[in-house]
Amino acid sequence: MKALKACVAVLAVGSLLVGCGSEWEDDVRFKVARVTPETQVTPGTTTGPRLILEIDQEKPDSVTEISTESVAADQAPEGAAVGDVLVCKVRQWDDNSLDGVGLTTDVGPCRAA
C-alpha cells in the first residue's frame, strides 16, 4: 500500500512540473538594424556574421517581450543587408519555470518579407 501511495505522489509531482513549462511560436516581422562581422571567439574558432534585428510590427503576444534579436547570417536570405525587412520564425520556451533557468528564445530561419 505504501508503494502505491508513493507512485501516486510521484505521478502527481511529475504532472505538476510538466504543467509549469510554457511555449510560444510565431512568425515575427523584423528590420535588419546592422550586420556584425565574423568574430574570433578563441584562437582558431570563429562565429559567422550575425544580423541584428529590430521588431518591425506591433509587439506579439509572446511569453516575454521581443524587441531586438539576432540571427546567424546563414539563417537569413543570402545578401540580407541593413534596412531589409525579414519575417522570422521565433520560438520561446521554458521547459520548467521552477528550475530557475530562464526562458529560451530561438530565432530563424528568416525569409524576405
C-alpha atoms as a PDB file:
ATOM      1  CA  MET A   1       0.000   0.000   0.000  1.00  0.00           C
ATOM      2  CA  LYS A   2       2.890   2.368   0.765  1.00  0.00           C
ATOM      3  CA  ALA A   3       4.339   1.702  -2.690  1.00  0.00           C
ATOM      4  CA  LEU A   4       1.025   2.620  -4.309  1.00  0.00           C
ATOM      5  CA  LYS A   5       0.839   5.895  -2.369  1.00  0.00           C
ATOM      6  CA  ALA A   6       4.443   6.688  -3.323  1.00  0.00           C
ATOM      7  CA  CYS A   7       3.662   6.060  -7.010  1.00  0.00           C
ATOM      8  CA  VAL A   8       0.625   8.328  -6.874  1.00  0.00           C
ATOM      9  CA  ALA A   9       2.702  11.072  -5.213  1.00  0.00           C
ATOM     10  CA  VAL A  10       5.451  10.806  -7.850  1.00  0.00           C
ATOM     11  CA  LEU A  11       2.915  10.956 -10.681  1.00  0.00           C
ATOM     12  CA  ALA A  12       1.215  13.995  -9.142  1.00  0.00           C
ATOM     13  CA  VAL A  13       4.510  15.876  -8.772  1.00  0.00           C
ATOM     14  CA  GLY A  14       5.544  14.928 -12.314  1.00  0.00           C
ATOM     15  CA  SER A  15       2.245  16.214 -13.702  1.00  0.00           C
ATOM     16  CA  LEU A  16       2.670  19.465 -11.802  1.00  0.00           C
ATOM     17  CA  LEU A  17       6.181  20.022 -13.182  1.00  0.00           C
ATOM     18  CA  VAL A  18       5.129  19.287 -16.752  1.00  0.00           C
ATOM     19  CA  GLY A  19       2.355  21.861 -16.447  1.00  0.00           C
ATOM     20  CA  CYS A  20       4.784  24.587 -15.371  1.00  0.00           C
ATOM     21  CA  GLY A  21       6.502  24.911 -18.742  1.00  0.00           C
ATOM     22  CA  SER A  22       5.424  27.442 -21.346  1.00  0.00           C
ATOM     23  CA  GLU A  23       5.970  27.795 -25.071  1.00  0.00           C
ATOM     24  CA  TRP A  24       5.166  30.293 -27.829  1.00  0.00           C
ATOM     25  CA  GLU A  25       5.957  30.194 -31.554  1.00  0.00           C
ATOM     26  CA  ASP A  26       5.019  32.524 -34.409  1.00  0.00           C
ATOM     27  CA  ASP A  27       6.346  34.463 -37.402  1.00  0.00           C
ATOM     28  CA  VAL A  28       7.632  37.927 -36.472  1.00  0.00           C
ATOM     29  CA  ARG A  29       8.495  40.789 -38.838  1.00  0.00           C
ATOM     30  CA  PHE A  30      11.928  42.365 -38.262  1.00  0.00           C
ATOM     31  CA  LYS A  31      14.066  45.018 -39.936  1.00  0.00           C
ATOM     32  CA  VAL A  32      17.827  44.448 -40.188  1.00  0.00           C
ATOM     33  CA  ALA A  33      19.409  47.143 -37.992  1.00  0.00           C
ATOM     34  CA  ARG A  34      23.037  46.154 -38.515  1.00  0.00           C
ATOM     35  CA  VAL A  35      25.285  43.300 -39.549  1.00  0.00           C
ATOM     36  CA  THR A  36      28.116  42.205 -37.281  1.00  0.00           C
ATOM     37  CA  PRO A  37      31.245  40.760 -38.901  1.00  0.00           C
ATOM     38  CA  GLU A  38      32.693  37.322 -38.329  1.00  0.00           C
ATOM     39  CA  THR A  39      34.221  37.281 -34.834  1.00  0.00           C
ATOM     40  CA  GLN A  40      37.089  35.241 -33.419  1.00  0.00           C
ATOM     41  CA  VAL A  41      35.900  33.632 -30.177  1.00  0.00           C
ATOM     42  CA  THR A  42      39.112  31.769 -29.362  1.00  0.00           C
ATOM     43  CA  PRO A  43      42.224  31.142 -31.445  1.00  0.00           C
ATOM     44  CA  GLY A  44      41.091  29.007 -34.350  1.00  0.00           C
ATOM     45  CA  THR A  45      37.379  29.356 -33.550  1.00  0.00           C
ATOM     46  CA  THR A  46      35.175  31.990 -35.124  1.00  0.00           C
ATOM     47  CA  THR A  47      31.475  32.784 -35.228  1.00  0.00           C
ATOM     48  CA  GLY A  48      29.985  33.832 -38.527  1.00  0.00           C
ATOM     49  CA  PRO A  49      28.379  37.176 -39.230  1.00  0.00           C
ATOM     50  CA  ARG A  50      25.083  37.942 -37.454  1.00  0.00           C
ATOM     51  CA  LEU A  51      22.165  40.152 -38.349  1.00  0.00           C
ATOM     52  CA  ILE A  52      20.900  42.366 -35.530  1.00  0.00           C
ATOM     53  CA  LEU A  53      17.140  42.628 -35.937  1.00  0.00           C
ATOM     54  CA  GLU A  54      14.641  45.150 -34.571  1.00  0.00           C
ATOM     55  CA  ILE A  55      10.966  44.300 -34.444  1.00  0.00           C
ATOM     56  CA  ASP A  56       9.002  45.898 -37.310  1.00  0.00           C
ATOM     57  CA  GLN A  57       5.418  45.217 -36.231  1.00  0.00           C
ATOM     58  CA  GLU A  58       3.177  45.523 -33.194  1.00  0.00           C
ATOM     59  CA  LYS A  59       4.542  43.596 -30.234  1.00  0.00           C
ATOM     60  CA  PRO A  60       3.384  39.964 -30.466  1.00  0.00           C
ATOM     61  CA  ASP A  61       1.709  38.206 -27.541  1.00  0.00           C
ATOM     62  CA  SER A  62       4.863  36.231 -26.815  1.00  0.00           C
ATOM     63  CA  VAL A  63       5.899  34.752 -23.477  1.00  0.00           C
ATOM     64  CA  THR A  64       8.253  37.700 -22.901  1.00  0.00           C
ATOM     65  CA  GLU A  65       8.642  40.914 -24.843  1.00  0.00           C
ATOM     66  CA  ILE A  66      10.519  40.785 -28.132  1.00  0.00           C
ATOM     67  CA  SER A  67      12.215  43.966 -29.366  1.00  0.00           C
ATOM     68  CA  THR A  68      15.745  43.247 -30.587  1.00  0.00           C
ATOM     69  CA  GLU A  69      17.059  39.833 -31.569  1.00  0.00           C
ATOM     70  CA  SER A  70      19.910  38.489 -33.651  1.00  0.00           C
ATOM     71  CA  VAL A  71      20.201  35.679 -36.128  1.00  0.00           C
ATOM     72  CA  ALA A  72      23.139  33.974 -37.833  1.00  0.00           C
ATOM     73  CA  ALA A  73      23.566  35.233 -41.393  1.00  0.00           C
ATOM     74  CA  ASP A  74      23.045  31.706 -42.712  1.00  0.00           C
ATOM     75  CA  GLN A  75      19.510  31.764 -41.244  1.00  0.00           C
ATOM     76  CA  ALA A  76      18.546  34.733 -43.465  1.00  0.00           C
ATOM     77  CA  PRO A  77      18.246  35.131 -47.234  1.00  0.00           C
ATOM     78  CA  GLU A  78      21.618  35.483 -48.947  1.00  0.00           C
ATOM     79  CA  GLY A  79      22.632  39.127 -49.289  1.00  0.00           C
ATOM     80  CA  ALA A  80      20.357  40.401 -46.488  1.00  0.00           C
ATOM     81  CA  ALA A  81      21.528  43.916 -45.613  1.00  0.00           C
ATOM     82  CA  VAL A  82      20.758  46.805 -43.273  1.00  0.00           C
ATOM     83  CA  GLY A  83      17.239  48.094 -43.866  1.00  0.00           C
ATOM     84  CA  ASP A  84      15.888  44.832 -45.294  1.00  0.00           C
ATOM     85  CA  VAL A  85      12.645  43.530 -43.797  1.00  0.00           C
ATOM     86  CA  LEU A  86      12.555  39.845 -42.858  1.00  0.00           C
ATOM     87  CA  VAL A  87       9.926  37.518 -41.446  1.00  0.00           C
ATOM     88  CA  CYS A  88      11.500  35.124 -38.956  1.00  0.00           C
ATOM     89  CA  LYS A  89      10.186  32.138 -37.078  1.00  0.00           C
ATOM     90  CA  VAL A  90      10.514  32.909 -33.350  1.00  0.00           C
ATOM     91  CA  ARG A  91      10.114  30.300 -30.641  1.00  0.00           C
ATOM     92  CA  GLN A  92      10.217  30.959 -26.915  1.00  0.00           C
ATOM     93  CA  TRP A  93      10.072  28.225 -24.340  1.00  0.00           C
ATOM     94  CA  ASP A  94      10.714  27.414 -20.720  1.00  0.00           C
ATOM     95  CA  ASP A  95      10.627  23.701 -20.062  1.00  0.00           C
ATOM     96  CA  ASN A  96      10.224  24.196 -16.337  1.00  0.00           C
ATOM     97  CA  SER A  97       9.749  27.582 -14.730  1.00  0.00           C
ATOM     98  CA  LEU A  98      10.528  26.061 -11.333  1.00  0.00           C
ATOM     99  CA  ASP A  99      14.147  25.222 -12.161  1.00  0.00           C
ATOM    100  CA  GLY A 100      15.434  28.820 -12.113  1.00  0.00           C
ATOM    101  CA  VAL A 101      16.716  28.603 -15.691  1.00  0.00           C
ATOM    102  CA  GLY A 102      15.395  31.438 -17.819  1.00  0.00           C
ATOM    103  CA  LEU A 103      13.325  31.495 -20.936  1.00  0.00           C
ATOM    104  CA  THR A 104      14.991  30.456 -24.200  1.00  0.00           C
ATOM    105  CA  THR A 105      14.332  32.376 -27.422  1.00  0.00           C
ATOM    106  CA  ASP A 106      15.270  30.884 -30.783  1.00  0.00           C
ATOM    107  CA  VAL A 107      15.097  32.979 -33.974  1.00  0.00           C
ATOM    108  CA  GLY A 108      15.247  31.620 -37.521  1.00  0.00           C
ATOM    109  CA  PRO A 109      15.043  30.719 -40.218  1.00  0.00           C
ATOM    110  CA  CYS A 110      14.075  34.015 -41.848  1.00  0.00           C
ATOM    111  CA  ARG A 111      12.699  34.904 -45.261  1.00  0.00           C
ATOM    112  CA  ALA A 112      12.287  38.166 -47.156  1.00  0.00           C
ATOM    113  CA  ALA A 113       9.040  39.959 -46.294  1.00  0.00           C
END
